[in-house]
Amino acid sequence: MAVIPVGIAGRPYEVRVGVGLLANVAAECGPLLRKQRVPIVTDDKVFAAWGGTVAASLEGAGFEPRWKILPSGEATKSWAHLAEVIDWLLAEEVERKDHVLALGGGVIGDLTGFAAAVLKRGCNFIQLPTTLLSQVDSSVGGKTAINTGAGKNLVGAFHQPSLVLADPSTLDTLPPREVGAGYAEVFKYGALGDADFFAWCEANGPALMAGDPAARELAIARSVAAKAAIVAQDEFETTGLRALLNLGHTFGHALEAETGFSDRLLHGEGVALGMVLAARYSARLGLLPASEAERIPAHLKAVGMKSELAELGLDVDGQALVSHMLHDKKMDAGTLPFILLRSIGEAFLAKDVKLDDVARFLDEQLK
């Protein structure tokens, strides 16, 4: 088991990565659980796959799991389901020092974390991420949120978990497309700040996607360590360092909005195409050699993922995609910072990007 400390000032915690953690969840979480009754928020698909494993561990240690089972899918990150979870937690008499378990992918983790953030002005929660995307990204760092009609993750709070247990065994139950969506967030860490790790991904990405357990565990641990180092220095995204983690997200969120935050384009798939666009736009501005920019779509193609915006078949123009960006939560005094690249392994925050030029660039990429 790999143990990665997240050194948040005043609220440090650990991310533990290892096969079998969910089967041993009672021992891992036991020291944090104050009551016999343990509230767990999950979705129907995750419950079917892993609910029995978690329940057996908890019940075997004398705990009583209490389940809130929500529909799977991005649409669950809504006001209605947030209210539903909060009302359920209140009915379960959850107190501020209690811990709520979030068993699922990023949707469940974000929703449960936000509910914990606002319940009684903040109660504790534990992340049990079951997708690659949530294990390497959304479960670490304390960003919680729901979606609204205006855009993705526009209502939320910073609220750190007390513990994260990332069990790579859960990836064996995921369809390949879901693994690919998470893998985008893995090689993102290489693209934004670690050229050697990006090269490792180029060499080992196909094996990871095919199910190699050693590659998966190493990739999760290394990704978490990269994110933990950034979050510890810039928890609330005030210095600009944490903003680098949004590489690909400004373009990606616009694509998600255009496809209705639906299964037509998963979040990680949007981020992957967003990184392609960020790299090519960096090359367009003369910041990045075109040959370096093309390493990103080439790698996506090598692991069997969409690598071209045109593959989405969108009936839209660049200006319409840019209009979605105007709702981005990074908007500041009417300008939108972009994460661009000077090289593979060196991202930076650009605050002087012209959105009309971005629209023209997107028109070219849509063809």
Protein backbone atom coordinates (compact mmCIF):
# COMPACT_ATOMS: atom_id res chain seq x y z
CA MET A 1 0.00 0.00 0.00
CA ALA A 2 1.24 3.46 -0.89
CA VAL A 3 0.49 6.23 1.61
CA ILE A 4 0.61 9.80 0.33
CA PRO A 5 0.29 12.62 2.89
CA VAL A 6 -1.69 15.72 1.87
CA GLY A 7 -0.16 18.50 3.92
CA ILE A 8 -3.08 20.91 4.20
CA ALA A 9 -2.38 23.43 6.95
CA GLY A 10 -4.57 22.62 9.95
CA ARG A 11 -6.27 19.65 8.26
CA PRO A 12 -3.69 17.14 6.96
CA TYR A 13 -4.85 13.71 5.83
CA GLU A 14 -3.65 10.64 3.99
CA VAL A 15 -4.44 9.10 0.65
CA ARG A 16 -3.91 5.34 0.80
CA VAL A 17 -3.55 3.44 -2.46
CA GLY A 18 -3.68 -0.33 -2.53
CA VAL A 19 -5.58 -3.38 -3.71
CA GLY A 20 -8.06 -4.66 -1.10
CA LEU A 21 -8.66 -1.41 0.77
CA LEU A 22 -12.44 -1.57 0.30
CA ALA A 23 -12.54 -5.13 1.60
CA ASN A 24 -10.71 -3.85 4.69
CA VAL A 25 -12.58 -0.55 4.98
CA ALA A 26 -13.59 -1.10 8.61
CA ALA A 27 -9.98 -1.37 9.78
CA GLU A 28 -8.89 1.58 7.63
CA CYS A 29 -11.72 3.89 8.68
CA GLY A 30 -12.46 2.44 12.12
CA PRO A 31 -10.37 4.91 14.15
CA LEU A 32 -12.39 7.78 12.64
CA LEU A 33 -15.87 6.29 13.16
CA ARG A 34 -17.53 7.45 16.39
CA LYS A 35 -20.82 5.57 16.15
CA GLN A 36 -22.10 2.14 15.27
CA ARG A 37 -24.25 3.55 12.45
CA VAL A 38 -22.15 4.62 9.45
CA PRO A 39 -23.83 6.76 6.75
CA ILE A 40 -22.68 5.94 3.21
CA VAL A 41 -23.67 7.80 0.05
CA THR A 42 -23.26 5.90 -3.22
CA ASP A 43 -24.97 5.33 -6.56
CA ASP A 44 -26.90 2.34 -7.84
CA LYS A 45 -24.13 0.97 -10.08
CA VAL A 46 -21.39 1.27 -7.46
CA PHE A 47 -23.66 -0.22 -4.81
CA ALA A 48 -24.30 -3.24 -7.01
CA ALA A 49 -20.57 -3.76 -7.57
CA TRP A 50 -19.06 -2.84 -4.19
CA GLY A 51 -21.84 -2.33 -1.64
CA GLY A 52 -21.59 -5.93 -0.46
CA THR A 53 -17.83 -5.70 0.01
CA VAL A 54 -18.04 -2.54 2.09
CA ALA A 55 -21.03 -3.78 4.09
CA ALA A 56 -19.32 -7.09 4.90
CA SER A 57 -16.25 -5.32 6.25
CA LEU A 58 -18.22 -2.86 8.35
CA GLU A 59 -20.71 -5.41 9.68
CA GLY A 60 -17.90 -7.81 10.50
CA ALA A 61 -16.40 -5.14 12.74
CA GLY A 62 -19.69 -4.39 14.49
CA PHE A 63 -20.75 -1.34 12.47
CA GLU A 64 -24.17 -0.79 10.87
CA PRO A 65 -23.90 0.68 7.36
CA ARG A 66 -26.71 3.04 6.43
CA TRP A 67 -27.09 3.55 2.70
CA LYS A 68 -28.22 6.45 0.57
CA ILE A 69 -28.29 5.13 -3.01
CA LEU A 70 -28.58 7.72 -5.78
CA PRO A 71 -28.92 7.38 -9.56
CA SER A 72 -25.60 7.14 -11.38
CA GLY A 73 -24.55 9.84 -13.80
CA GLU A 74 -23.54 13.49 -13.98
CA ALA A 75 -27.15 14.66 -13.60
CA THR A 76 -27.02 13.58 -9.95
CA LYS A 77 -24.78 16.57 -9.14
CA SER A 78 -27.85 18.79 -8.76
CA TRP A 79 -29.65 21.00 -6.26
CA ALA A 80 -32.39 18.39 -5.93
CA HIS A 81 -30.05 15.54 -5.03
CA LEU A 82 -27.98 17.79 -2.76
CA ALA A 83 -31.13 18.60 -0.78
CA GLU A 84 -32.09 14.92 -0.77
CA VAL A 85 -28.73 13.89 0.69
CA ILE A 86 -28.73 16.66 3.30
CA ASP A 87 -32.26 15.79 4.44
CA TRP A 88 -31.25 12.13 4.69
CA LEU A 89 -28.13 12.94 6.72
CA LEU A 90 -30.20 15.06 9.09
CA ALA A 91 -32.70 12.21 9.46
CA GLU A 92 -29.74 9.93 10.25
CA GLU A 93 -28.80 12.40 13.01
CA VAL A 94 -25.30 12.97 11.68
CA GLU A 95 -23.28 15.25 13.95
CA ARG A 96 -20.41 17.55 13.06
CA LYS A 97 -17.71 15.17 14.32
CA ASP A 98 -19.20 12.17 12.53
CA HIS A 99 -17.87 10.92 9.21
CA VAL A 100 -19.96 10.39 6.09
CA LEU A 101 -18.53 7.89 3.59
CA ALA A 102 -18.62 8.76 -0.13
CA LEU A 103 -18.44 5.52 -2.12
CA GLY A 104 -18.30 6.18 -5.84
CA GLY A 105 -16.79 8.28 -8.58
CA GLY A 106 -16.41 12.01 -8.87
CA VAL A 107 -20.14 12.70 -8.93
CA ILE A 108 -20.73 11.00 -5.58
CA GLY A 109 -17.54 12.41 -4.07
CA ASP A 110 -18.33 15.98 -5.14
CA LEU A 111 -21.96 15.81 -4.05
CA THR A 112 -21.28 14.13 -0.71
CA GLY A 113 -18.37 16.43 0.03
CA PHE A 114 -20.52 19.49 -0.63
CA ALA A 115 -23.30 18.13 1.56
CA ALA A 116 -20.74 17.53 4.32
CA ALA A 117 -19.36 21.04 3.86
CA VAL A 118 -22.70 22.72 4.50
CA LEU A 119 -24.34 20.26 6.92
CA LYS A 120 -24.31 21.91 10.34
CA ARG A 121 -21.66 24.29 8.92
CA GLY A 122 -19.32 21.43 8.20
CA CYS A 123 -19.06 17.77 9.16
CA ASN A 124 -16.43 15.18 8.31
CA PHE A 125 -16.34 12.84 5.35
CA ILE A 126 -14.17 10.07 3.91
CA GLN A 127 -13.61 9.52 0.20
CA LEU A 128 -13.82 5.96 -1.15
CA PRO A 129 -13.26 6.68 -4.87
CA THR A 130 -14.13 3.88 -7.28
CA THR A 131 -13.13 5.34 -10.66
CA LEU A 132 -9.68 6.17 -11.95
CA LEU A 133 -10.66 9.79 -12.44
CA SER A 134 -11.83 10.18 -8.86
CA GLN A 135 -8.84 8.28 -7.45
CA VAL A 136 -6.27 10.51 -9.13
CA ASP A 137 -8.13 13.82 -9.11
CA SER A 138 -11.50 14.67 -7.63
CA SER A 139 -11.17 12.80 -4.31
CA VAL A 140 -7.99 14.71 -3.42
CA GLY A 141 -7.78 18.40 -2.66
CA GLY A 142 -11.15 19.29 -1.17
CA LYS A 143 -13.02 20.77 -4.14
CA THR A 144 -16.71 19.89 -3.83
CA ALA A 145 -19.55 21.11 -6.01
CA ILE A 146 -22.75 20.58 -7.94
CA ASN A 147 -23.68 21.61 -11.47
CA THR A 148 -26.31 24.19 -12.43
CA GLY A 149 -27.97 25.21 -15.65
CA ALA A 150 -25.29 27.86 -16.12
CA GLY A 151 -22.41 25.40 -16.04
CA LYS A 152 -20.37 22.76 -14.29
CA ASN A 153 -19.19 22.99 -10.66
CA LEU A 154 -20.36 26.59 -10.25
CA VAL A 155 -21.81 26.03 -6.76
CA GLY A 156 -19.59 24.39 -4.18
CA ALA A 157 -17.08 24.72 -1.37
CA PHE A 158 -13.54 23.82 -0.41
CA HIS A 159 -13.89 21.03 2.14
CA GLN A 160 -11.11 18.53 2.72
CA PRO A 161 -11.83 14.87 3.47
CA SER A 162 -10.38 13.20 6.55
CA LEU A 163 -9.09 10.20 4.59
CA VAL A 164 -9.03 8.87 1.03
CA LEU A 165 -8.89 5.13 0.27
CA ALA A 166 -8.11 4.42 -3.39
CA ASP A 167 -8.49 0.73 -4.23
CA PRO A 168 -7.33 -0.08 -7.80
CA SER A 169 -9.45 -3.27 -7.66
CA THR A 170 -12.50 -1.13 -8.42
CA LEU A 171 -11.13 -0.33 -11.87
CA ASP A 172 -11.64 -3.95 -12.88
CA THR A 173 -15.40 -3.40 -12.81
CA LEU A 174 -15.31 -0.28 -15.01
CA PRO A 175 -15.93 -0.22 -18.76
CA PRO A 176 -12.84 0.74 -20.78
CA ARG A 177 -14.34 4.13 -21.61
CA GLU A 178 -14.52 5.05 -17.92
CA VAL A 179 -10.92 3.99 -17.39
CA GLY A 180 -9.91 6.17 -20.34
CA ALA A 181 -11.76 9.14 -18.89
CA GLY A 182 -9.72 8.78 -15.72
CA TYR A 183 -6.49 8.18 -17.58
CA ALA A 184 -6.76 11.68 -19.06
CA GLU A 185 -6.24 13.07 -15.57
CA VAL A 186 -3.23 10.79 -15.08
CA PHE A 187 -1.16 11.97 -18.02
CA LYS A 188 -2.33 15.54 -17.34
CA TYR A 189 0.07 15.59 -14.38
CA GLY A 190 2.92 14.75 -16.72
CA ALA A 191 1.88 17.34 -19.29
CA LEU A 192 1.60 20.15 -16.78
CA GLY A 193 4.63 19.56 -14.59
CA ASP A 194 6.57 16.33 -15.05
CA ALA A 195 8.02 15.51 -18.48
CA ASP A 196 9.46 12.24 -17.19
CA PHE A 197 6.05 11.07 -16.02
CA PHE A 198 4.53 11.99 -19.39
CA ALA A 199 7.19 9.83 -21.03
CA TRP A 200 6.34 7.04 -18.58
CA CYS A 201 2.72 7.34 -19.66
CA GLU A 202 3.69 7.13 -23.32
CA ALA A 203 5.54 3.89 -22.54
CA ASN A 204 3.06 2.36 -20.08
CA GLY A 205 -0.32 3.88 -20.88
CA PRO A 206 -1.50 1.03 -23.11
CA ALA A 207 -0.66 -1.53 -20.38
CA LEU A 208 -2.46 0.55 -17.77
CA MET A 209 -5.54 0.75 -19.97
CA ALA A 210 -5.37 -3.01 -20.54
CA GLY A 211 -5.52 -3.67 -16.80
CA ASP A 212 -1.91 -4.04 -15.67
CA PRO A 213 -2.24 -3.78 -11.85
CA ALA A 214 1.32 -2.56 -11.20
CA ALA A 215 1.00 0.19 -13.80
CA ARG A 216 -2.33 1.26 -12.37
CA GLU A 217 -1.15 1.42 -8.77
CA LEU A 218 2.01 3.33 -9.70
CA ALA A 219 0.07 5.79 -11.85
CA ILE A 220 -2.50 6.46 -9.10
CA ALA A 221 0.14 6.97 -6.42
CA ARG A 222 2.29 9.21 -8.59
CA SER A 223 -0.70 11.29 -9.72
CA VAL A 224 -1.93 11.74 -6.16
CA ALA A 225 1.55 12.78 -5.00
CA ALA A 226 1.72 15.38 -7.76
CA LYS A 227 -1.66 16.82 -6.87
CA ALA A 228 -0.98 16.71 -3.12
CA ALA A 229 2.21 18.73 -3.57
CA ILE A 230 0.32 21.44 -5.44
CA VAL A 231 -2.73 21.52 -3.17
CA ALA A 232 -0.57 21.78 -0.04
CA GLN A 233 0.96 24.97 -1.43
CA ASP A 234 -2.23 26.53 -2.81
CA GLU A 235 -5.31 25.02 -1.17
CA PHE A 236 -7.77 27.72 -2.23
CA GLU A 237 -6.31 28.46 -5.69
CA THR A 238 -5.12 31.91 -4.65
CA THR A 239 -1.54 31.96 -5.98
CA GLY A 240 -2.19 30.50 -9.41
CA LEU A 241 -0.28 27.27 -8.74
CA ARG A 242 -3.36 25.11 -8.20
CA ALA A 243 -4.92 26.60 -11.31
CA LEU A 244 -2.37 24.62 -13.34
CA LEU A 245 -4.37 21.49 -12.47
CA ASN A 246 -7.04 22.88 -14.78
CA LEU A 247 -4.97 22.14 -17.88
CA GLY A 248 -7.50 21.15 -20.54
CA HIS A 249 -10.49 22.03 -18.38
CA THR A 250 -11.48 25.39 -19.89
CA PHE A 251 -11.78 23.87 -23.36
CA GLY A 252 -13.10 20.62 -21.91
CA HIS A 253 -15.88 22.18 -19.84
CA ALA A 254 -17.08 24.10 -22.93
CA LEU A 255 -17.31 20.79 -24.80
CA GLU A 256 -19.17 19.20 -21.88
CA ALA A 257 -21.63 22.09 -21.80
CA GLU A 258 -22.22 21.82 -25.55
CA THR A 259 -22.97 18.10 -25.18
CA GLY A 260 -25.30 18.74 -22.24
CA PHE A 261 -23.08 17.25 -19.51
CA SER A 262 -24.20 13.87 -20.78
CA ASP A 263 -22.73 10.45 -21.51
CA ARG A 264 -22.05 11.71 -25.00
CA LEU A 265 -18.81 13.15 -23.57
CA LEU A 266 -17.49 12.06 -20.19
CA HIS A 267 -15.64 14.63 -18.09
CA GLY A 268 -12.26 12.99 -18.57
CA GLU A 269 -12.84 12.71 -22.30
CA GLY A 270 -13.57 16.43 -22.38
CA VAL A 271 -10.37 17.13 -20.43
CA ALA A 272 -8.37 14.95 -22.83
CA LEU A 273 -9.63 16.82 -25.89
CA GLY A 274 -9.19 20.05 -23.94
CA MET A 275 -5.51 19.24 -23.48
CA VAL A 276 -5.19 18.61 -27.21
CA LEU A 277 -6.71 22.04 -27.82
CA ALA A 278 -4.60 23.77 -25.15
CA ALA A 279 -1.41 22.28 -26.61
CA ARG A 280 -2.29 23.18 -30.18
CA TYR A 281 -3.36 26.68 -29.18
CA SER A 282 -0.05 27.07 -27.36
CA ALA A 283 1.69 26.06 -30.58
CA ARG A 284 -0.45 28.53 -32.54
CA LEU A 285 0.82 31.30 -30.25
CA GLY A 286 4.41 30.21 -30.76
CA LEU A 287 4.81 29.05 -27.16
CA LEU A 288 5.23 25.34 -27.86
CA PRO A 289 6.80 23.50 -30.80
CA ALA A 290 4.09 21.89 -32.92
CA SER A 291 5.87 18.53 -32.66
CA GLU A 292 5.55 18.67 -28.86
CA ALA A 293 1.89 19.65 -29.05
CA GLU A 294 1.17 16.63 -31.24
CA ARG A 295 2.51 14.23 -28.61
CA ILE A 296 -0.78 14.66 -26.71
CA PRO A 297 -3.20 13.61 -29.49
CA ALA A 298 -0.75 10.91 -30.58
CA HIS A 299 -0.78 9.44 -27.08
CA LEU A 300 -4.57 9.58 -26.86
CA LYS A 301 -4.81 7.72 -30.14
CA ALA A 302 -2.28 5.13 -28.90
CA VAL A 303 -4.46 4.29 -25.88
CA GLY A 304 -7.67 4.17 -27.90
CA MET A 305 -9.24 7.50 -26.97
CA LYS A 306 -10.68 10.29 -29.11
CA SER A 307 -7.87 12.62 -30.11
CA GLU A 308 -9.57 15.13 -32.43
CA LEU A 309 -12.33 17.63 -31.72
CA ALA A 310 -13.89 16.84 -35.10
CA GLU A 311 -14.56 13.29 -33.90
CA LEU A 312 -17.37 14.62 -31.68
CA GLY A 313 -19.40 15.66 -34.73
CA LEU A 314 -20.60 18.88 -33.10
CA ASP A 315 -22.98 21.07 -35.10
CA VAL A 316 -21.55 24.27 -33.64
CA ASP A 317 -19.00 27.00 -34.32
CA GLY A 318 -16.10 28.30 -32.28
CA GLN A 319 -17.98 31.32 -30.99
CA ALA A 320 -20.69 29.12 -29.50
CA LEU A 321 -18.06 27.10 -27.62
CA VAL A 322 -16.42 30.31 -26.39
CA SER A 323 -19.80 31.49 -25.10
CA HIS A 324 -19.82 28.50 -22.74
CA MET A 325 -16.45 29.60 -21.42
CA LEU A 326 -17.91 32.90 -20.23
CA HIS A 327 -19.55 30.95 -17.40
CA ASP A 328 -16.21 29.50 -16.30
CA LYS A 329 -15.65 30.01 -12.57
CA LYS A 330 -12.11 31.25 -13.30
CA MET A 331 -13.49 34.40 -14.97
CA ASP A 332 -11.82 37.40 -13.33
CA ALA A 333 -12.81 41.01 -14.07
CA GLY A 334 -14.18 39.99 -17.43
CA THR A 335 -11.10 38.06 -18.54
CA LEU A 336 -10.60 34.31 -18.64
CA PRO A 337 -7.18 32.85 -17.77
CA PHE A 338 -6.08 29.86 -19.83
CA ILE A 339 -3.64 27.12 -18.86
CA LEU A 340 -1.16 26.85 -21.72
CA LEU A 341 2.12 25.00 -22.31
CA ARG A 342 5.69 26.10 -22.93
CA SER A 343 6.76 22.45 -23.16
CA ILE A 344 5.52 19.02 -22.17
CA GLY A 345 6.05 19.31 -18.43
CA GLU A 346 5.74 23.10 -18.14
CA ALA A 347 2.29 24.68 -17.93
CA PHE A 348 1.56 28.29 -17.05
CA LEU A 349 -1.38 30.63 -16.49
CA ALA A 350 -1.97 32.98 -19.43
CA LYS A 351 -4.15 36.00 -18.65
CA ASP A 352 -3.95 37.78 -21.99
CA VAL A 353 -5.72 35.31 -24.28
CA LYS A 354 -8.15 36.90 -26.74
CA LEU A 355 -11.41 34.98 -26.86
CA ASP A 356 -12.14 36.01 -30.43
CA ASP A 357 -8.85 34.39 -31.45
CA VAL A 358 -9.81 31.27 -29.47
CA ALA A 359 -13.09 31.17 -31.42
CA ARG A 360 -11.22 31.30 -34.74
CA PHE A 361 -8.87 28.56 -33.57
CA LEU A 362 -11.81 26.37 -32.57
CA ASP A 363 -13.44 26.89 -35.98
CA GLU A 364 -10.28 25.40 -37.52
CA GLN A 365 -10.27 22.44 -35.12
CA LEU A 366 -13.95 21.66 -35.68
CA LYS A 367 -13.41 20.99 -39.42
